[in-house]
Amino acid sequence: MRELSTAIDLLADEDPADLPVGQVAEQLLELHWQMARLQAEIARRTCLRVPVTREPEGSRAHDGSGGRRNR
C-alpha cells in the first residue's frame, strides 16, 4: 500500500500538460488495468467473489421455459 501511495504522490506532482499525449494515454491504460487488478485482489482477500458453479442439467435456468412451469 505504501508503494501505491508513493505512485499516486508522484503522479500528483506531474503536470499532464508537460507530457506527450501518447504517454498520458499509456499511463491511463496502465492505471485502468492496475486498478482492476487491485479490485480483484481486494475481492479475493475479503471473499466477496462468489465461486462460479454450474447448475445441474434440467434446472429452471436452462430448460428454455424462462422460469415458467407448464401445468
N, C-alpha and C. Protein backbone atom coordinates (compact mmCIF):
# COMPACT_ATOMS: atom_id res chain seq x y z
N MET A 1 0.83 -1.20 0.00
CA MET A 1 0.00 0.00 0.00
C MET A 1 0.87 1.25 0.00
N ARG A 2 2.02 1.16 0.63
CA ARG A 2 2.92 2.32 0.66
C ARG A 2 3.39 2.65 -0.76
N GLU A 3 3.64 1.61 -1.58
CA GLU A 3 4.07 1.84 -2.96
C GLU A 3 2.98 2.55 -3.76
N LEU A 4 1.74 2.16 -3.53
CA LEU A 4 0.62 2.79 -4.23
C LEU A 4 0.53 4.26 -3.84
N SER A 5 0.68 4.54 -2.58
CA SER A 5 0.62 5.92 -2.11
C SER A 5 1.74 6.76 -2.72
N THR A 6 2.93 6.19 -2.80
CA THR A 6 4.06 6.90 -3.40
C THR A 6 3.81 7.16 -4.89
N ALA A 7 3.28 6.16 -5.59
CA ALA A 7 2.99 6.32 -7.02
C ALA A 7 1.95 7.41 -7.25
N ILE A 8 0.94 7.46 -6.40
CA ILE A 8 -0.09 8.50 -6.52
C ILE A 8 0.51 9.87 -6.28
N ASP A 9 1.37 9.97 -5.28
CA ASP A 9 2.02 11.26 -4.99
C ASP A 9 2.87 11.72 -6.17
N LEU A 10 3.60 10.79 -6.80
CA LEU A 10 4.42 11.15 -7.96
C LEU A 10 3.56 11.63 -9.12
N LEU A 11 2.44 10.96 -9.36
CA LEU A 11 1.53 11.39 -10.43
C LEU A 11 0.92 12.76 -10.13
N ALA A 12 0.63 13.00 -8.87
CA ALA A 12 0.02 14.28 -8.50
C ALA A 12 0.97 15.44 -8.72
N ASP A 13 2.28 15.17 -8.62
CA ASP A 13 3.28 16.22 -8.81
C ASP A 13 3.54 16.54 -10.28
N GLU A 14 3.18 15.62 -11.19
CA GLU A 14 3.39 15.84 -12.61
C GLU A 14 2.32 16.76 -13.17
N ASP A 15 2.71 17.55 -14.14
CA ASP A 15 1.75 18.36 -14.89
C ASP A 15 1.48 17.65 -16.20
N PRO A 16 0.26 17.14 -16.40
CA PRO A 16 -0.03 16.39 -17.64
C PRO A 16 0.22 17.21 -18.90
N ALA A 17 0.17 18.51 -18.81
CA ALA A 17 0.41 19.36 -19.99
C ALA A 17 1.86 19.25 -20.46
N ASP A 18 2.76 18.83 -19.57
CA ASP A 18 4.17 18.69 -19.92
C ASP A 18 4.48 17.36 -20.59
N LEU A 19 3.53 16.45 -20.63
CA LEU A 19 3.76 15.12 -21.17
C LEU A 19 3.13 14.97 -22.56
N PRO A 20 3.76 14.18 -23.42
CA PRO A 20 3.13 13.91 -24.73
C PRO A 20 1.80 13.19 -24.54
N VAL A 21 0.85 13.46 -25.43
CA VAL A 21 -0.48 12.88 -25.33
C VAL A 21 -0.42 11.35 -25.32
N GLY A 22 0.44 10.76 -26.14
CA GLY A 22 0.58 9.31 -26.18
C GLY A 22 1.02 8.73 -24.85
N GLN A 23 1.91 9.42 -24.17
CA GLN A 23 2.39 8.94 -22.87
C GLN A 23 1.27 9.02 -21.83
N VAL A 24 0.49 10.07 -21.87
CA VAL A 24 -0.64 10.19 -20.94
C VAL A 24 -1.65 9.08 -21.20
N ALA A 25 -1.92 8.79 -22.47
CA ALA A 25 -2.85 7.72 -22.82
C ALA A 25 -2.33 6.37 -22.31
N GLU A 26 -1.04 6.11 -22.48
CA GLU A 26 -0.45 4.87 -21.98
C GLU A 26 -0.57 4.77 -20.47
N GLN A 27 -0.33 5.87 -19.78
CA GLN A 27 -0.44 5.88 -18.31
C GLN A 27 -1.88 5.61 -17.87
N LEU A 28 -2.84 6.18 -18.59
CA LEU A 28 -4.25 5.95 -18.24
C LEU A 28 -4.63 4.49 -18.42
N LEU A 29 -4.18 3.88 -19.53
CA LEU A 29 -4.47 2.46 -19.74
C LEU A 29 -3.82 1.60 -18.67
N GLU A 30 -2.58 1.89 -18.34
CA GLU A 30 -1.89 1.13 -17.29
C GLU A 30 -2.61 1.30 -15.96
N LEU A 31 -3.02 2.51 -15.65
CA LEU A 31 -3.75 2.76 -14.41
C LEU A 31 -5.05 1.97 -14.36
N HIS A 32 -5.76 1.92 -15.48
CA HIS A 32 -7.01 1.17 -15.56
C HIS A 32 -6.77 -0.29 -15.20
N TRP A 33 -5.77 -0.92 -15.82
CA TRP A 33 -5.51 -2.34 -15.58
C TRP A 33 -5.01 -2.59 -14.16
N GLN A 34 -4.19 -1.69 -13.63
CA GLN A 34 -3.71 -1.85 -12.27
C GLN A 34 -4.85 -1.72 -11.26
N MET A 35 -5.79 -0.81 -11.52
CA MET A 35 -6.95 -0.67 -10.62
C MET A 35 -7.81 -1.92 -10.68
N ALA A 36 -7.97 -2.50 -11.86
CA ALA A 36 -8.75 -3.74 -11.98
C ALA A 36 -8.07 -4.86 -11.19
N ARG A 37 -6.76 -4.94 -11.28
CA ARG A 37 -6.02 -5.96 -10.51
C ARG A 37 -6.19 -5.73 -9.01
N LEU A 38 -6.13 -4.46 -8.59
CA LEU A 38 -6.28 -4.14 -7.18
C LEU A 38 -7.68 -4.53 -6.69
N GLN A 39 -8.71 -4.22 -7.47
CA GLN A 39 -10.07 -4.57 -7.08
C GLN A 39 -10.23 -6.08 -6.97
N ALA A 40 -9.64 -6.82 -7.91
CA ALA A 40 -9.74 -8.28 -7.87
C ALA A 40 -9.02 -8.84 -6.64
N GLU A 41 -7.89 -8.27 -6.30
CA GLU A 41 -7.14 -8.74 -5.13
C GLU A 41 -7.89 -8.43 -3.83
N ILE A 42 -8.48 -7.25 -3.76
CA ILE A 42 -9.27 -6.89 -2.57
C ILE A 42 -10.45 -7.85 -2.44
N ALA A 43 -11.13 -8.11 -3.56
CA ALA A 43 -12.27 -9.03 -3.53
C ALA A 43 -11.83 -10.42 -3.09
N ARG A 44 -10.70 -10.88 -3.61
CA ARG A 44 -10.21 -12.21 -3.24
C ARG A 44 -9.88 -12.28 -1.75
N ARG A 45 -9.26 -11.25 -1.24
CA ARG A 45 -8.85 -11.27 0.16
C ARG A 45 -10.03 -11.10 1.12
N THR A 46 -11.08 -10.49 0.65
CA THR A 46 -12.24 -10.28 1.53
C THR A 46 -13.37 -11.26 1.21
N CYS A 47 -13.11 -12.21 0.34
CA CYS A 47 -14.07 -13.27 -0.02
C CYS A 47 -15.38 -12.70 -0.55
N LEU A 48 -15.31 -11.66 -1.33
CA LEU A 48 -16.53 -11.07 -1.88
C LEU A 48 -16.97 -11.75 -3.16
N ARG A 49 -16.04 -12.41 -3.85
CA ARG A 49 -16.41 -13.09 -5.08
C ARG A 49 -17.01 -14.44 -4.76
N VAL A 50 -18.15 -14.71 -5.35
CA VAL A 50 -18.82 -15.99 -5.17
C VAL A 50 -18.27 -16.96 -6.21
N PRO A 51 -17.90 -18.16 -5.80
CA PRO A 51 -17.39 -19.13 -6.78
C PRO A 51 -18.43 -19.43 -7.85
N VAL A 52 -17.98 -19.55 -9.07
CA VAL A 52 -18.87 -19.86 -10.19
C VAL A 52 -19.17 -21.35 -10.15
N THR A 53 -20.46 -21.69 -10.13
CA THR A 53 -20.85 -23.10 -10.13
C THR A 53 -21.81 -23.33 -11.28
N ARG A 54 -21.80 -24.52 -11.81
CA ARG A 54 -22.72 -24.88 -12.88
C ARG A 54 -24.00 -25.40 -12.27
N GLU A 55 -25.12 -25.01 -12.88
CA GLU A 55 -26.41 -25.53 -12.41
C GLU A 55 -26.60 -26.91 -12.99
N PRO A 56 -27.26 -27.79 -12.26
CA PRO A 56 -27.49 -29.13 -12.78
C PRO A 56 -28.37 -29.09 -14.03
N GLU A 57 -28.16 -30.06 -14.92
CA GLU A 57 -28.97 -30.15 -16.14
C GLU A 57 -30.44 -30.27 -15.76
N GLY A 58 -31.31 -29.62 -16.53
CA GLY A 58 -32.73 -29.69 -16.25
C GLY A 58 -33.21 -28.66 -15.24
N SER A 59 -32.31 -27.76 -14.82
CA SER A 59 -32.74 -26.73 -13.86
C SER A 59 -33.56 -25.68 -14.60
N ARG A 60 -34.27 -24.86 -13.87
CA ARG A 60 -35.12 -23.83 -14.46
C ARG A 60 -34.35 -22.90 -15.37
N ALA A 61 -33.13 -22.54 -14.98
CA ALA A 61 -32.36 -21.56 -15.74
C ALA A 61 -32.00 -22.07 -17.13
N HIS A 62 -31.98 -23.39 -17.33
CA HIS A 62 -31.52 -23.93 -18.60
C HIS A 62 -32.57 -24.74 -19.34
N ASP A 63 -33.82 -24.74 -18.88
CA ASP A 63 -34.79 -25.62 -19.52
C ASP A 63 -35.57 -24.93 -20.66
N GLY A 64 -35.24 -23.65 -20.94
CA GLY A 64 -35.88 -22.95 -22.05
C GLY A 64 -37.24 -22.38 -21.71
N SER A 65 -37.74 -22.59 -20.51
CA SER A 65 -39.07 -22.09 -20.16
C SER A 65 -39.03 -20.67 -19.63
N GLY A 66 -37.81 -20.13 -19.44
CA GLY A 66 -37.71 -18.78 -18.90
C GLY A 66 -38.19 -18.72 -17.46
N GLY A 67 -38.14 -19.83 -16.76
CA GLY A 67 -38.56 -19.84 -15.36
C GLY A 67 -40.03 -20.16 -15.19
N ARG A 68 -40.78 -20.29 -16.31
CA ARG A 68 -42.20 -20.62 -16.22
C ARG A 68 -42.35 -22.14 -16.21
N ARG A 69 -43.33 -22.62 -15.50
CA ARG A 69 -43.63 -24.06 -15.47
C ARG A 69 -44.94 -24.31 -16.18
N ASN A 70 -44.96 -25.31 -17.03
CA ASN A 70 -46.22 -25.72 -17.66
C ASN A 70 -47.01 -26.58 -16.68
N ARG A 71 -48.29 -26.28 -16.57
CA ARG A 71 -49.12 -27.06 -15.63
C ARG A 71 -50.01 -28.00 -16.33
